[in-house]
């Protein structure tokens, strides 16, 4: 992805250029992990994030390209553990682990309806 205004922080004032926000970096790490295993799941299954342990190591300015990598490290029944990394054009900017849980989409939807109403 290329860092845009939508993924950047802006709260440090006019003298500091906007840079990739930590929540945006984590979101792209989660998307990358999901996309890595989605083709391997059964029809009607997907994954949801359940745990993130990530360090944001360096700032990345607007317009710079960021590459994300997710490597499946462990499978414990329906829990998947990934090593995740992010690199901009100059250096590693993030690293950590991310757990996802394999779900049945229809059953998940039913639980949400039961909890929140249709």
PDB file of N, CA and C in Angstrom:
ATOM      1  N   UNK A   1       0.839  -1.169   0.000  1.00  0.00           N
ATOM      2  CA  UNK A   1       0.000   0.000   0.000  1.00  0.00           C
ATOM      3  C   UNK A   1       0.885   1.232   0.000  1.00  0.00           C
ATOM      4  N   UNK A   2       0.308   2.323  -0.424  1.00  0.00           N
ATOM      5  CA  UNK A   2       1.006   3.608  -0.388  1.00  0.00           C
ATOM      6  C   UNK A   2       0.330   4.454   0.689  1.00  0.00           C
ATOM      7  N   UNK A   3       1.131   5.019   1.566  1.00  0.00           N
ATOM      8  CA  UNK A   3       0.582   5.803   2.676  1.00  0.00           C
ATOM      9  C   UNK A   3      -0.141   7.026   2.121  1.00  0.00           C
ATOM     10  N   UNK A   4      -1.422   7.119   2.462  1.00  0.00           N
ATOM     11  CA  UNK A   4      -2.239   8.258   2.046  1.00  0.00           C
ATOM     12  C   UNK A   4      -2.714   9.004   3.288  1.00  0.00           C
ATOM     13  N   UNK A   5      -3.390  10.088   3.066  1.00  0.00           N
ATOM     14  CA  UNK A   5      -3.951  10.889   4.161  1.00  0.00           C
ATOM     15  C   UNK A   5      -4.845  10.055   5.069  1.00  0.00           C
ATOM     16  N   UNK A   6      -5.572   9.098   4.480  1.00  0.00           N
ATOM     17  CA  UNK A   6      -6.504   8.281   5.260  1.00  0.00           C
ATOM     18  C   UNK A   6      -5.806   7.369   6.262  1.00  0.00           C
ATOM     19  N   UNK A   7      -4.563   6.993   5.996  1.00  0.00           N
ATOM     20  CA  UNK A   7      -3.822   6.090   6.879  1.00  0.00           C
ATOM     21  C   UNK A   7      -2.826   6.814   7.777  1.00  0.00           C
ATOM     22  N   UNK A   8      -2.844   8.129   7.759  1.00  0.00           N
ATOM     23  CA  UNK A   8      -1.806   8.900   8.450  1.00  0.00           C
ATOM     24  C   UNK A   8      -2.318   9.584   9.713  1.00  0.00           C
ATOM     25  N   UNK A   9      -1.365   9.876  10.597  1.00  0.00           N
ATOM     26  CA  UNK A   9      -1.670  10.701  11.768  1.00  0.00           C
ATOM     27  C   UNK A   9      -1.472  12.163  11.387  1.00  0.00           C
ATOM     28  N   UNK A  10      -2.265  13.034  12.003  1.00  0.00           N
ATOM     29  CA  UNK A  10      -2.213  14.462  11.700  1.00  0.00           C
ATOM     30  C   UNK A  10      -2.205  15.312  12.965  1.00  0.00           C
ATOM     31  N   UNK A  11      -2.086  14.707  14.114  1.00  0.00           N
ATOM     32  CA  UNK A  11      -2.296  15.416  15.374  1.00  0.00           C
ATOM     33  C   UNK A  11      -1.043  16.039  15.974  1.00  0.00           C
ATOM     34  N   UNK A  12       0.092  15.922  15.304  1.00  0.00           N
ATOM     35  CA  UNK A  12       1.332  16.450  15.886  1.00  0.00           C
ATOM     36  C   UNK A  12       1.624  17.898  15.496  1.00  0.00           C
ATOM     37  N   UNK A  13       0.717  18.503  14.775  1.00  0.00           N
ATOM     38  CA  UNK A  13       0.880  19.904  14.432  1.00  0.00           C
ATOM     39  C   UNK A  13       1.401  20.117  13.027  1.00  0.00           C
ATOM     40  N   UNK A  14       1.429  21.379  12.626  1.00  0.00           N
ATOM     41  CA  UNK A  14       1.799  21.740  11.257  1.00  0.00           C
ATOM     42  C   UNK A  14       3.280  21.556  10.961  1.00  0.00           C
ATOM     43  N   UNK A  15       4.110  21.495  11.967  1.00  0.00           N
ATOM     44  CA  UNK A  15       5.554  21.372  11.716  1.00  0.00           C
ATOM     45  C   UNK A  15       6.012  19.926  11.535  1.00  0.00           C
ATOM     46  N   UNK A  16       5.101  18.966  11.804  1.00  0.00           N
ATOM     47  CA  UNK A  16       5.442  17.550  11.660  1.00  0.00           C
ATOM     48  C   UNK A  16       4.638  16.976  10.497  1.00  0.00           C
ATOM     49  N   UNK A  17       5.344  16.401   9.519  1.00  0.00           N
ATOM     50  CA  UNK A  17       4.657  15.833   8.361  1.00  0.00           C
ATOM     51  C   UNK A  17       3.847  14.602   8.772  1.00  0.00           C
ATOM     52  N   UNK A  18       2.678  14.400   8.153  1.00  0.00           N
ATOM     53  CA  UNK A  18       1.876  13.210   8.454  1.00  0.00           C
ATOM     54  C   UNK A  18       2.640  11.928   8.130  1.00  0.00           C
ATOM     55  N   UNK A  19       2.397  10.893   8.934  1.00  0.00           N
ATOM     56  CA  UNK A  19       3.056   9.598   8.746  1.00  0.00           C
ATOM     57  C   UNK A  19       2.052   8.484   9.027  1.00  0.00           C
ATOM     58  N   UNK A  20       2.400   7.277   8.598  1.00  0.00           N
ATOM     59  CA  UNK A  20       1.528   6.116   8.780  1.00  0.00           C
ATOM     60  C   UNK A  20       1.163   5.941  10.246  1.00  0.00           C
ATOM     61  N   UNK A  21      -0.126   5.841  10.519  1.00  0.00           N
ATOM     62  CA  UNK A  21      -0.634   5.635  11.874  1.00  0.00           C
ATOM     63  C   UNK A  21      -0.506   4.165  12.263  1.00  0.00           C
ATOM     64  N   UNK A  22      -0.225   3.933  13.530  1.00  0.00           N
ATOM     65  CA  UNK A  22      -0.100   2.562  14.027  1.00  0.00           C
ATOM     66  C   UNK A  22      -1.364   1.736  13.785  1.00  0.00           C
ATOM     67  N   UNK A  23      -2.574   2.252  14.071  1.00  0.00           N
ATOM     68  CA  UNK A  23      -3.771   1.433  13.796  1.00  0.00           C
ATOM     69  C   UNK A  23      -3.894   1.040  12.319  1.00  0.00           C
ATOM     70  N   UNK A  24      -3.484   1.906  11.416  1.00  0.00           N
ATOM     71  CA  UNK A  24      -3.533   1.566   9.990  1.00  0.00           C
ATOM     72  C   UNK A  24      -2.526   0.476   9.651  1.00  0.00           C
ATOM     73  N   UNK A  25      -1.326   0.564  10.221  1.00  0.00           N
ATOM     74  CA  UNK A  25      -0.330  -0.474   9.988  1.00  0.00           C
ATOM     75  C   UNK A  25      -0.856  -1.825  10.472  1.00  0.00           C
ATOM     76  N   UNK A  26      -1.453  -1.832  11.657  1.00  0.00           N
ATOM     77  CA  UNK A  26      -1.988  -3.080  12.215  1.00  0.00           C
ATOM     78  C   UNK A  26      -3.131  -3.611  11.347  1.00  0.00           C
ATOM     79  N   UNK A  27      -3.995  -2.729  10.871  1.00  0.00           N
ATOM     80  CA  UNK A  27      -5.091  -3.167  10.008  1.00  0.00           C
ATOM     81  C   UNK A  27      -4.547  -3.884   8.765  1.00  0.00           C
ATOM     82  N   UNK A  28      -3.516  -3.316   8.135  1.00  0.00           N
ATOM     83  CA  UNK A  28      -2.948  -3.934   6.932  1.00  0.00           C
ATOM     84  C   UNK A  28      -2.240  -5.238   7.269  1.00  0.00           C
ATOM     85  N   UNK A  29      -1.651  -5.350   8.449  1.00  0.00           N
ATOM     86  CA  UNK A  29      -1.066  -6.628   8.877  1.00  0.00           C
ATOM     87  C   UNK A  29      -2.159  -7.681   9.005  1.00  0.00           C
ATOM     88  N   UNK A  30      -3.287  -7.304   9.597  1.00  0.00           N
ATOM     89  CA  UNK A  30      -4.416  -8.236   9.740  1.00  0.00           C
ATOM     90  C   UNK A  30      -4.966  -8.652   8.382  1.00  0.00           C
ATOM     91  N   UNK A  31      -5.132  -7.709   7.485  1.00  0.00           N
ATOM     92  CA  UNK A  31      -5.634  -8.012   6.136  1.00  0.00           C
ATOM     93  C   UNK A  31      -4.687  -8.971   5.428  1.00  0.00           C
ATOM     94  N   UNK A  32      -3.393  -8.740   5.567  1.00  0.00           N
ATOM     95  CA  UNK A  32      -2.400  -9.592   4.921  1.00  0.00           C
ATOM     96  C   UNK A  32      -2.463 -11.016   5.463  1.00  0.00           C
ATOM     97  N   UNK A  33      -2.597 -11.161   6.780  1.00  0.00           N
ATOM     98  CA  UNK A  33      -2.707 -12.494   7.382  1.00  0.00           C
ATOM     99  C   UNK A  33      -3.973 -13.200   6.891  1.00  0.00           C
ATOM    100  N   UNK A  34      -5.090 -12.488   6.886  1.00  0.00           N
ATOM    101  CA  UNK A  34      -6.348 -13.083   6.416  1.00  0.00           C
ATOM    102  C   UNK A  34      -6.212 -13.533   4.970  1.00  0.00           C
ATOM    103  N   UNK A  35      -5.698 -12.648   4.124  1.00  0.00           N
ATOM    104  CA  UNK A  35      -5.569 -12.969   2.701  1.00  0.00           C
ATOM    105  C   UNK A  35      -4.640 -14.155   2.457  1.00  0.00           C
ATOM    106  N   UNK A  36      -3.666 -14.360   3.350  1.00  0.00           N
ATOM    107  CA  UNK A  36      -2.718 -15.466   3.177  1.00  0.00           C
ATOM    108  C   UNK A  36      -3.381 -16.826   3.305  1.00  0.00           C
ATOM    109  N   UNK A  37      -4.394 -16.940   4.155  1.00  0.00           N
ATOM    110  CA  UNK A  37      -5.013 -18.250   4.394  1.00  0.00           C
ATOM    111  C   UNK A  37      -6.393 -18.401   3.780  1.00  0.00           C
ATOM    112  N   UNK A  38      -7.015 -17.328   3.362  1.00  0.00           N
ATOM    113  CA  UNK A  38      -8.387 -17.392   2.849  1.00  0.00           C
ATOM    114  C   UNK A  38      -8.564 -18.428   1.730  1.00  0.00           C
ATOM    115  N   UNK A  39      -7.650 -18.527   0.769  1.00  0.00           N
ATOM    116  CA  UNK A  39      -7.844 -19.529  -0.288  1.00  0.00           C
ATOM    117  C   UNK A  39      -7.761 -20.975   0.205  1.00  0.00           C
ATOM    118  N   UNK A  40      -7.241 -21.191   1.399  1.00  0.00           N
ATOM    119  CA  UNK A  40      -7.057 -22.545   1.930  1.00  0.00           C
ATOM    120  C   UNK A  40      -8.229 -23.014   2.798  1.00  0.00           C
ATOM    121  N   UNK A  41      -9.152 -22.111   3.096  1.00  0.00           N
ATOM    122  CA  UNK A  41     -10.271 -22.445   3.970  1.00  0.00           C
ATOM    123  C   UNK A  41     -11.392 -23.134   3.204  1.00  0.00           C
ATOM    124  N   UNK A  42     -12.243 -23.796   3.959  1.00  0.00           N
ATOM    125  CA  UNK A  42     -13.421 -24.440   3.381  1.00  0.00           C
ATOM    126  C   UNK A  42     -14.433 -23.372   2.968  1.00  0.00           C
ATOM    127  N   UNK A  43     -15.313 -23.689   1.996  1.00  0.00           N
ATOM    128  CA  UNK A  43     -16.373 -22.742   1.650  1.00  0.00           C
ATOM    129  C   UNK A  43     -17.204 -22.400   2.896  1.00  0.00           C
ATOM    130  N   UNK A  44     -17.532 -21.129   3.058  1.00  0.00           N
ATOM    131  CA  UNK A  44     -18.309 -20.677   4.207  1.00  0.00           C
ATOM    132  C   UNK A  44     -17.474 -20.327   5.419  1.00  0.00           C
ATOM    133  N   UNK A  45     -16.161 -20.517   5.325  1.00  0.00           N
ATOM    134  CA  UNK A  45     -15.279 -20.148   6.426  1.00  0.00           C
ATOM    135  C   UNK A  45     -14.544 -18.853   6.111  1.00  0.00           C
ATOM    136  N   UNK A  46     -14.112 -18.191   7.169  1.00  0.00           N
ATOM    137  CA  UNK A  46     -13.268 -17.002   7.065  1.00  0.00           C
ATOM    138  C   UNK A  46     -12.475 -16.945   8.362  1.00  0.00           C
ATOM    139  N   UNK A  47     -11.746 -15.870   8.577  1.00  0.00           N
ATOM    140  CA  UNK A  47     -11.017 -15.708   9.830  1.00  0.00           C
ATOM    141  C   UNK A  47     -11.302 -14.332  10.400  1.00  0.00           C
ATOM    142  N   UNK A  48     -11.210 -14.240  11.723  1.00  0.00           N
ATOM    143  CA  UNK A  48     -11.320 -12.950  12.410  1.00  0.00           C
ATOM    144  C   UNK A  48     -10.124 -12.806  13.333  1.00  0.00           C
ATOM    145  N   UNK A  49      -9.665 -11.570  13.485  1.00  0.00           N
ATOM    146  CA  UNK A  49      -8.549 -11.311  14.374  1.00  0.00           C
ATOM    147  C   UNK A  49      -8.967 -11.411  15.825  1.00  0.00           C
ATOM    148  N   UNK A  50      -8.095 -12.023  16.651  1.00  0.00           N
ATOM    149  CA  UNK A  50      -8.401 -12.164  18.069  1.00  0.00           C
ATOM    150  C   UNK A  50      -7.286 -11.642  18.971  1.00  0.00           C
ATOM    151  N   UNK A  51      -6.085 -11.428  18.409  1.00  0.00           N
ATOM    152  CA  UNK A  51      -4.988 -10.923  19.233  1.00  0.00           C
ATOM    153  C   UNK A  51      -3.935 -10.285  18.336  1.00  0.00           C
ATOM    154  N   UNK A  52      -3.400  -9.150  18.798  1.00  0.00           N
ATOM    155  CA  UNK A  52      -2.326  -8.460  18.085  1.00  0.00           C
ATOM    156  C   UNK A  52      -1.262  -8.062  19.096  1.00  0.00           C
ATOM    157  N   UNK A  53      -0.006  -8.376  18.776  1.00  0.00           N
ATOM    158  CA  UNK A  53       1.128  -7.944  19.593  1.00  0.00           C
ATOM    159  C   UNK A  53       2.187  -7.427  18.624  1.00  0.00           C
ATOM    160  N   UNK A  54       2.168  -6.113  18.385  1.00  0.00           N
ATOM    161  CA  UNK A  54       2.963  -5.519  17.319  1.00  0.00           C
ATOM    162  C   UNK A  54       3.713  -4.298  17.832  1.00  0.00           C
ATOM    163  N   UNK A  55       4.932  -4.135  17.344  1.00  0.00           N
ATOM    164  CA  UNK A  55       5.710  -2.913  17.599  1.00  0.00           C
ATOM    165  C   UNK A  55       5.788  -2.100  16.322  1.00  0.00           C
ATOM    166  N   UNK A  56       5.541  -0.803  16.449  1.00  0.00           N
ATOM    167  CA  UNK A  56       5.697   0.129  15.334  1.00  0.00           C
ATOM    168  C   UNK A  56       7.088   0.732  15.499  1.00  0.00           C
ATOM    169  N   UNK A  57       8.011   0.381  14.603  1.00  0.00           N
ATOM    170  CA  UNK A  57       9.429   0.663  14.792  1.00  0.00           C
ATOM    171  C   UNK A  57       9.918   1.969  14.193  1.00  0.00           C
ATOM    172  N   UNK A  58       9.248   2.437  13.140  1.00  0.00           N
ATOM    173  CA  UNK A  58       9.730   3.639  12.451  1.00  0.00           C
ATOM    174  C   UNK A  58       8.586   4.310  11.705  1.00  0.00           C
ATOM    175  N   UNK A  59       8.717   5.606  11.523  1.00  0.00           N
ATOM    176  CA  UNK A  59       7.698   6.388  10.810  1.00  0.00           C
ATOM    177  C   UNK A  59       7.858   6.228   9.304  1.00  0.00           C
ATOM    178  N   UNK A  60       6.716   6.293   8.599  1.00  0.00           N
ATOM    179  CA  UNK A  60       6.695   6.244   7.140  1.00  0.00           C
ATOM    180  C   UNK A  60       5.863   7.415   6.636  1.00  0.00           C
ATOM    181  N   UNK A  61       6.469   8.310   5.835  1.00  0.00           N
ATOM    182  CA  UNK A  61       5.752   9.508   5.389  1.00  0.00           C
ATOM    183  C   UNK A  61       4.716   9.230   4.305  1.00  0.00           C
ATOM    184  N   UNK A  62       3.833  10.200   4.112  1.00  0.00           N
ATOM    185  CA  UNK A  62       2.844  10.135   3.031  1.00  0.00           C
ATOM    186  C   UNK A  62       3.544   9.852   1.712  1.00  0.00           C
ATOM    187  N   UNK A  63       2.902   9.036   0.889  1.00  0.00           N
ATOM    188  CA  UNK A  63       3.402   8.751  -0.446  1.00  0.00           C
ATOM    189  C   UNK A  63       4.395   7.616  -0.527  1.00  0.00           C
ATOM    190  N   UNK A  64       4.898   7.118   0.596  1.00  0.00           N
ATOM    191  CA  UNK A  64       5.870   6.030   0.561  1.00  0.00           C
ATOM    192  C   UNK A  64       5.138   4.685   0.543  1.00  0.00           C
ATOM    193  N   UNK A  65       5.693   3.736  -0.199  1.00  0.00           N
ATOM    194  CA  UNK A  65       5.129   2.394  -0.320  1.00  0.00           C
ATOM    195  C   UNK A  65       5.501   1.557   0.901  1.00  0.00           C
ATOM    196  N   UNK A  66       4.522   0.766   1.381  1.00  0.00           N
ATOM    197  CA  UNK A  66       4.731  -0.153   2.491  1.00  0.00           C
ATOM    198  C   UNK A  66       4.338  -1.554   2.034  1.00  0.00           C
ATOM    199  N   UNK A  67       5.193  -2.524   2.328  1.00  0.00           N
ATOM    200  CA  UNK A  67       4.946  -3.917   2.002  1.00  0.00           C
ATOM    201  C   UNK A  67       4.727  -4.693   3.297  1.00  0.00           C
ATOM    202  N   UNK A  68       3.699  -5.516   3.316  1.00  0.00           N
ATOM    203  CA  UNK A  68       3.343  -6.290   4.502  1.00  0.00           C
ATOM    204  C   UNK A  68       3.562  -7.775   4.221  1.00  0.00           C
ATOM    205  N   UNK A  69       3.988  -8.495   5.266  1.00  0.00           N
ATOM    206  CA  UNK A  69       4.213  -9.932   5.157  1.00  0.00           C
ATOM    207  C   UNK A  69       3.615 -10.615   6.381  1.00  0.00           C
ATOM    208  N   UNK A  70       2.922 -11.721   6.145  1.00  0.00           N
ATOM    209  CA  UNK A  70       2.372 -12.538   7.232  1.00  0.00           C
ATOM    210  C   UNK A  70       2.786 -13.981   6.980  1.00  0.00           C
ATOM    211  N   UNK A  71       3.422 -14.585   7.972  1.00  0.00           N
ATOM    212  CA  UNK A  71       3.883 -15.963   7.864  1.00  0.00           C
ATOM    213  C   UNK A  71       3.172 -16.796   8.925  1.00  0.00           C
ATOM    214  N   UNK A  72       2.448 -17.818   8.482  1.00  0.00           N
ATOM    215  CA  UNK A  72       1.745 -18.690   9.414  1.00  0.00           C
ATOM    216  C   UNK A  72       2.771 -19.497  10.197  1.00  0.00           C
ATOM    217  N   UNK A  73       2.749 -19.343  11.533  1.00  0.00           N
ATOM    218  CA  UNK A  73       3.725 -20.010  12.392  1.00  0.00           C
ATOM    219  C   UNK A  73       3.150 -21.203  13.142  1.00  0.00           C
ATOM    220  N   UNK A  74       1.863 -21.140  13.485  1.00  0.00           N
ATOM    221  CA  UNK A  74       1.279 -22.221  14.284  1.00  0.00           C
ATOM    222  C   UNK A  74      -0.213 -22.329  14.013  1.00  0.00           C
ATOM    223  N   UNK A  75      -0.698 -23.561  14.148  1.00  0.00           N
ATOM    224  CA  UNK A  75      -2.124 -23.851  14.056  1.00  0.00           C
ATOM    225  C   UNK A  75      -2.500 -24.637  15.300  1.00  0.00           C
ATOM    226  N   UNK A  76      -3.439 -24.119  16.067  1.00  0.00           N
ATOM    227  CA  UNK A  76      -3.954 -24.812  17.245  1.00  0.00           C
ATOM    228  C   UNK A  76      -5.465 -24.906  17.088  1.00  0.00           C
ATOM    229  N   UNK A  77      -5.928 -26.028  16.551  1.00  0.00           N
ATOM    230  CA  UNK A  77      -7.326 -26.229  16.179  1.00  0.00           C
ATOM    231  C   UNK A  77      -7.754 -25.133  15.207  1.00  0.00           C
ATOM    232  N   UNK A  78      -8.544 -24.171  15.666  1.00  0.00           N
ATOM    233  CA  UNK A  78      -9.006 -23.100  14.766  1.00  0.00           C
ATOM    234  C   UNK A  78      -8.245 -21.792  14.965  1.00  0.00           C
ATOM    235  N   UNK A  79      -7.278 -21.764  15.868  1.00  0.00           N
ATOM    236  CA  UNK A  79      -6.469 -20.563  16.102  1.00  0.00           C
ATOM    237  C   UNK A  79      -5.216 -20.624  15.228  1.00  0.00           C
ATOM    238  N   UNK A  80      -5.005 -19.555  14.468  1.00  0.00           N
ATOM    239  CA  UNK A  80      -3.847 -19.428  13.587  1.00  0.00           C
ATOM    240  C   UNK A  80      -2.947 -18.318  14.126  1.00  0.00           C
ATOM    241  N   UNK A  81      -1.665 -18.584  14.266  1.00  0.00           N
ATOM    242  CA  UNK A  81      -0.715 -17.579  14.745  1.00  0.00           C
ATOM    243  C   UNK A  81       0.242 -17.221  13.616  1.00  0.00           C
ATOM    244  N   UNK A  82       0.354 -15.914  13.369  1.00  0.00           N
ATOM    245  CA  UNK A  82       1.192 -15.396  12.303  1.00  0.00           C
ATOM    246  C   UNK A  82       2.310 -14.535  12.860  1.00  0.00           C
ATOM    247  N   UNK A  83       3.467 -14.587  12.213  1.00  0.00           N
ATOM    248  CA  UNK A  83       4.486 -13.555  12.379  1.00  0.00           C
ATOM    249  C   UNK A  83       4.160 -12.511  11.314  1.00  0.00           C
ATOM    250  N   UNK A  84       4.094 -11.243  11.714  1.00  0.00           N
ATOM    251  CA  UNK A  84       3.767 -10.178  10.768  1.00  0.00           C
ATOM    252  C   UNK A  84       4.887  -9.144  10.736  1.00  0.00           C
ATOM    253  N   UNK A  85       5.108  -8.580   9.556  1.00  0.00           N
ATOM    254  CA  UNK A  85       6.126  -7.552   9.368  1.00  0.00           C
ATOM    255  C   UNK A  85       5.613  -6.503   8.395  1.00  0.00           C
ATOM    256  N   UNK A  86       6.171  -5.312   8.527  1.00  0.00           N
ATOM    257  CA  UNK A  86       5.911  -4.234   7.568  1.00  0.00           C
ATOM    258  C   UNK A  86       7.241  -3.562   7.256  1.00  0.00           C
ATOM    259  N   UNK A  87       7.459  -3.290   5.968  1.00  0.00           N
ATOM    260  CA  UNK A  87       8.674  -2.623   5.520  1.00  0.00           C
ATOM    261  C   UNK A  87       8.271  -1.476   4.607  1.00  0.00           C
ATOM    262  N   UNK A  88       8.869  -0.298   4.826  1.00  0.00           N
ATOM    263  CA  UNK A  88       8.684   0.753   3.832  1.00  0.00           C
ATOM    264  C   UNK A  88       9.859   0.673   2.851  1.00  0.00           C
ATOM    265  N   UNK A  89      10.029   1.665   2.031  1.00  0.00           N
ATOM    266  CA  UNK A  89      11.060   1.617   0.998  1.00  0.00           C
ATOM    267  C   UNK A  89      12.475   1.712   1.564  1.00  0.00           C
ATOM    268  N   UNK A  90      12.590   2.024   2.856  1.00  0.00           N
ATOM    269  CA  UNK A  90      13.911   2.209   3.459  1.00  0.00           C
ATOM    270  C   UNK A  90      14.253   1.208   4.551  1.00  0.00           C
ATOM    271  N   UNK A  91      13.231   0.730   5.311  1.00  0.00           N
ATOM    272  CA  UNK A  91      13.545  -0.087   6.482  1.00  0.00           C
ATOM    273  C   UNK A  91      12.322  -0.850   6.975  1.00  0.00           C
ATOM    274  N   UNK A  92      12.569  -1.761   7.933  1.00  0.00           N
ATOM    275  CA  UNK A  92      11.472  -2.437   8.615  1.00  0.00           C
ATOM    276  C   UNK A  92      10.812  -1.420   9.524  1.00  0.00           C
ATOM    277  N   UNK A  93       9.468  -1.329   9.443  1.00  0.00           N
ATOM    278  CA  UNK A  93       8.746  -0.343  10.251  1.00  0.00           C
ATOM    279  C   UNK A  93       7.844  -0.973  11.299  1.00  0.00           C
ATOM    280  N   UNK A  94       7.603  -2.289  11.188  1.00  0.00           N
ATOM    281  CA  UNK A  94       6.743  -2.941  12.159  1.00  0.00           C
ATOM    282  C   UNK A  94       6.978  -4.428  12.178  1.00  0.00           C
ATOM    283  N   UNK A  95       6.749  -5.037  13.362  1.00  0.00           N
ATOM    284  CA  UNK A  95       6.882  -6.477  13.484  1.00  0.00           C
ATOM    285  C   UNK A  95       6.113  -6.957  14.700  1.00  0.00           C
ATOM    286  N   UNK A  96       5.766  -8.229  14.687  1.00  0.00           N
ATOM    287  CA  UNK A  96       5.088  -8.802  15.838  1.00  0.00           C
ATOM    288  C   UNK A  96       4.364 -10.076  15.486  1.00  0.00           C
ATOM    289  N   UNK A  97       3.333 -10.375  16.293  1.00  0.00           N
ATOM    290  CA  UNK A  97       2.517 -11.559  16.054  1.00  0.00           C
ATOM    291  C   UNK A  97       1.051 -11.166  16.000  1.00  0.00           C
ATOM    292  N   UNK A  98       0.295 -12.009  15.327  1.00  0.00           N
ATOM    293  CA  UNK A  98      -1.140 -11.767  15.160  1.00  0.00           C
ATOM    294  C   UNK A  98      -1.846 -13.116  15.137  1.00  0.00           C
ATOM    295  N   UNK A  99      -2.881 -13.266  15.955  1.00  0.00           N
ATOM    296  CA  UNK A  99      -3.678 -14.490  15.983  1.00  0.00           C
ATOM    297  C   UNK A  99      -5.026 -14.238  15.323  1.00  0.00           C
ATOM    298  N   UNK A 100      -5.453 -15.225  14.544  1.00  0.00           N
ATOM    299  CA  UNK A 100      -6.758 -15.191  13.907  1.00  0.00           C
ATOM    300  C   UNK A 100      -7.469 -16.506  14.236  1.00  0.00           C
ATOM    301  N   UNK A 101      -8.786 -16.468  14.209  1.00  0.00           N
ATOM    302  CA  UNK A 101      -9.599 -17.627  14.527  1.00  0.00           C
ATOM    303  C   UNK A 101     -10.440 -17.970  13.308  1.00  0.00           C
ATOM    304  N   UNK A 102     -10.430 -19.233  12.913  1.00  0.00           N
ATOM    305  CA  UNK A 102     -11.262 -19.676  11.788  1.00  0.00           C
ATOM    306  C   UNK A 102     -12.709 -19.766  12.258  1.00  0.00           C
ATOM    307  N   UNK A 103     -13.598 -19.131  11.500  1.00  0.00           N
ATOM    308  CA  UNK A 103     -15.018 -19.118  11.857  1.00  0.00           C
ATOM    309  C   UNK A 103     -15.868 -19.657  10.712  1.00  0.00           C
ATOM    310  N   UNK A 104     -17.057 -20.108  11.065  1.00  0.00           N
ATOM    311  CA  UNK A 104     -18.113 -20.401  10.109  1.00  0.00           C
ATOM    312  C   UNK A 104     -18.908 -19.108   9.974  1.00  0.00           C
ATOM    313  N   UNK A 105     -18.907 -18.527   8.795  1.00  0.00           N
ATOM    314  CA  UNK A 105     -19.497 -17.195   8.585  1.00  0.00           C
ATOM    315  C   UNK A 105     -20.987 -17.180   8.932  1.00  0.00           C
ATOM    316  N   UNK A 106     -21.732 -18.201   8.521  1.00  0.00           N
ATOM    317  CA  UNK A 106     -23.181 -18.230   8.792  1.00  0.00           C
ATOM    318  C   UNK A 106     -23.443 -18.287  10.297  1.00  0.00           C
ATOM    319  N   UNK A 107     -22.704 -19.109  11.018  1.00  0.00           N
ATOM    320  CA  UNK A 107     -22.899 -19.216  12.466  1.00  0.00           C
ATOM    321  C   UNK A 107     -22.496 -17.908  13.157  1.00  0.00           C
ATOM    322  N   UNK A 108     -21.445 -17.300  12.687  1.00  0.00           N
ATOM    323  CA  UNK A 108     -21.005 -16.008  13.224  1.00  0.00           C
ATOM    324  C   UNK A 108     -22.104 -14.955  13.029  1.00  0.00           C
ATOM    325  N   UNK A 109     -22.684 -14.928  11.834  1.00  0.00           N
ATOM    326  CA  UNK A 109     -23.761 -13.977  11.534  1.00  0.00           C
ATOM    327  C   UNK A 109     -24.968 -14.216  12.438  1.00  0.00           C
ATOM    328  N   UNK A 110     -25.309 -15.483  12.670  1.00  0.00           N
ATOM    329  CA  UNK A 110     -26.432 -15.807  13.553  1.00  0.00           C
ATOM    330  C   UNK A 110     -26.194 -15.290  14.973  1.00  0.00           C
ATOM    331  N   UNK A 111     -24.977 -15.460  15.453  1.00  0.00           N
ATOM    332  CA  UNK A 111     -24.646 -14.985  16.800  1.00  0.00           C
ATOM    333  C   UNK A 111     -24.755 -13.462  16.896  1.00  0.00           C
ATOM    334  N   UNK A 112     -24.320 -12.778  15.847  1.00  0.00           N
ATOM    335  CA  UNK A 112     -24.428 -11.316  15.861  1.00  0.00           C
ATOM    336  C   UNK A 112     -25.888 -10.863  15.854  1.00  0.00           C
ATOM    337  N   UNK A 113     -26.703 -11.541  15.050  1.00  0.00           N
ATOM    338  CA  UNK A 113     -28.124 -11.200  15.010  1.00  0.00           C
ATOM    339  C   UNK A 113     -28.769 -11.455  16.366  1.00  0.00           C
ATOM    340  N   UNK A 114     -28.442 -12.586  16.980  1.00  0.00           N
ATOM    341  CA  UNK A 114     -28.999 -12.903  18.289  1.00  0.00           C
ATOM    342  C   UNK A 114     -28.577 -11.880  19.345  1.00  0.00           C
ATOM    343  N   UNK A 115     -27.360 -11.375  19.222  1.00  0.00           N
ATOM    344  CA  UNK A 115     -26.843 -10.435  20.193  1.00  0.00           C
ATOM    345  C   UNK A 115     -27.362  -9.018  19.980  1.00  0.00           C
ATOM    346  N   UNK A 116     -27.406  -8.599  18.732  1.00  0.00           N
ATOM    347  CA  UNK A 116     -27.734  -7.207  18.408  1.00  0.00           C
ATOM    348  C   UNK A 116     -29.086  -7.016  17.735  1.00  0.00           C
ATOM    349  N   UNK A 117     -29.720  -8.082  17.343  1.00  0.00           N
ATOM    350  CA  UNK A 117     -30.984  -7.974  16.613  1.00  0.00           C
ATOM    351  C   UNK A 117     -30.741  -7.901  15.132  1.00  0.00           C
ATOM    352  N   UNK A 118     -31.767  -8.197  14.365  1.00  0.00           N
ATOM    353  CA  UNK A 118     -31.636  -8.285  12.914  1.00  0.00           C
ATOM    354  C   UNK A 118     -31.777  -6.977  12.259  1.00  0.00           C
TER     355      UNK A 118
END
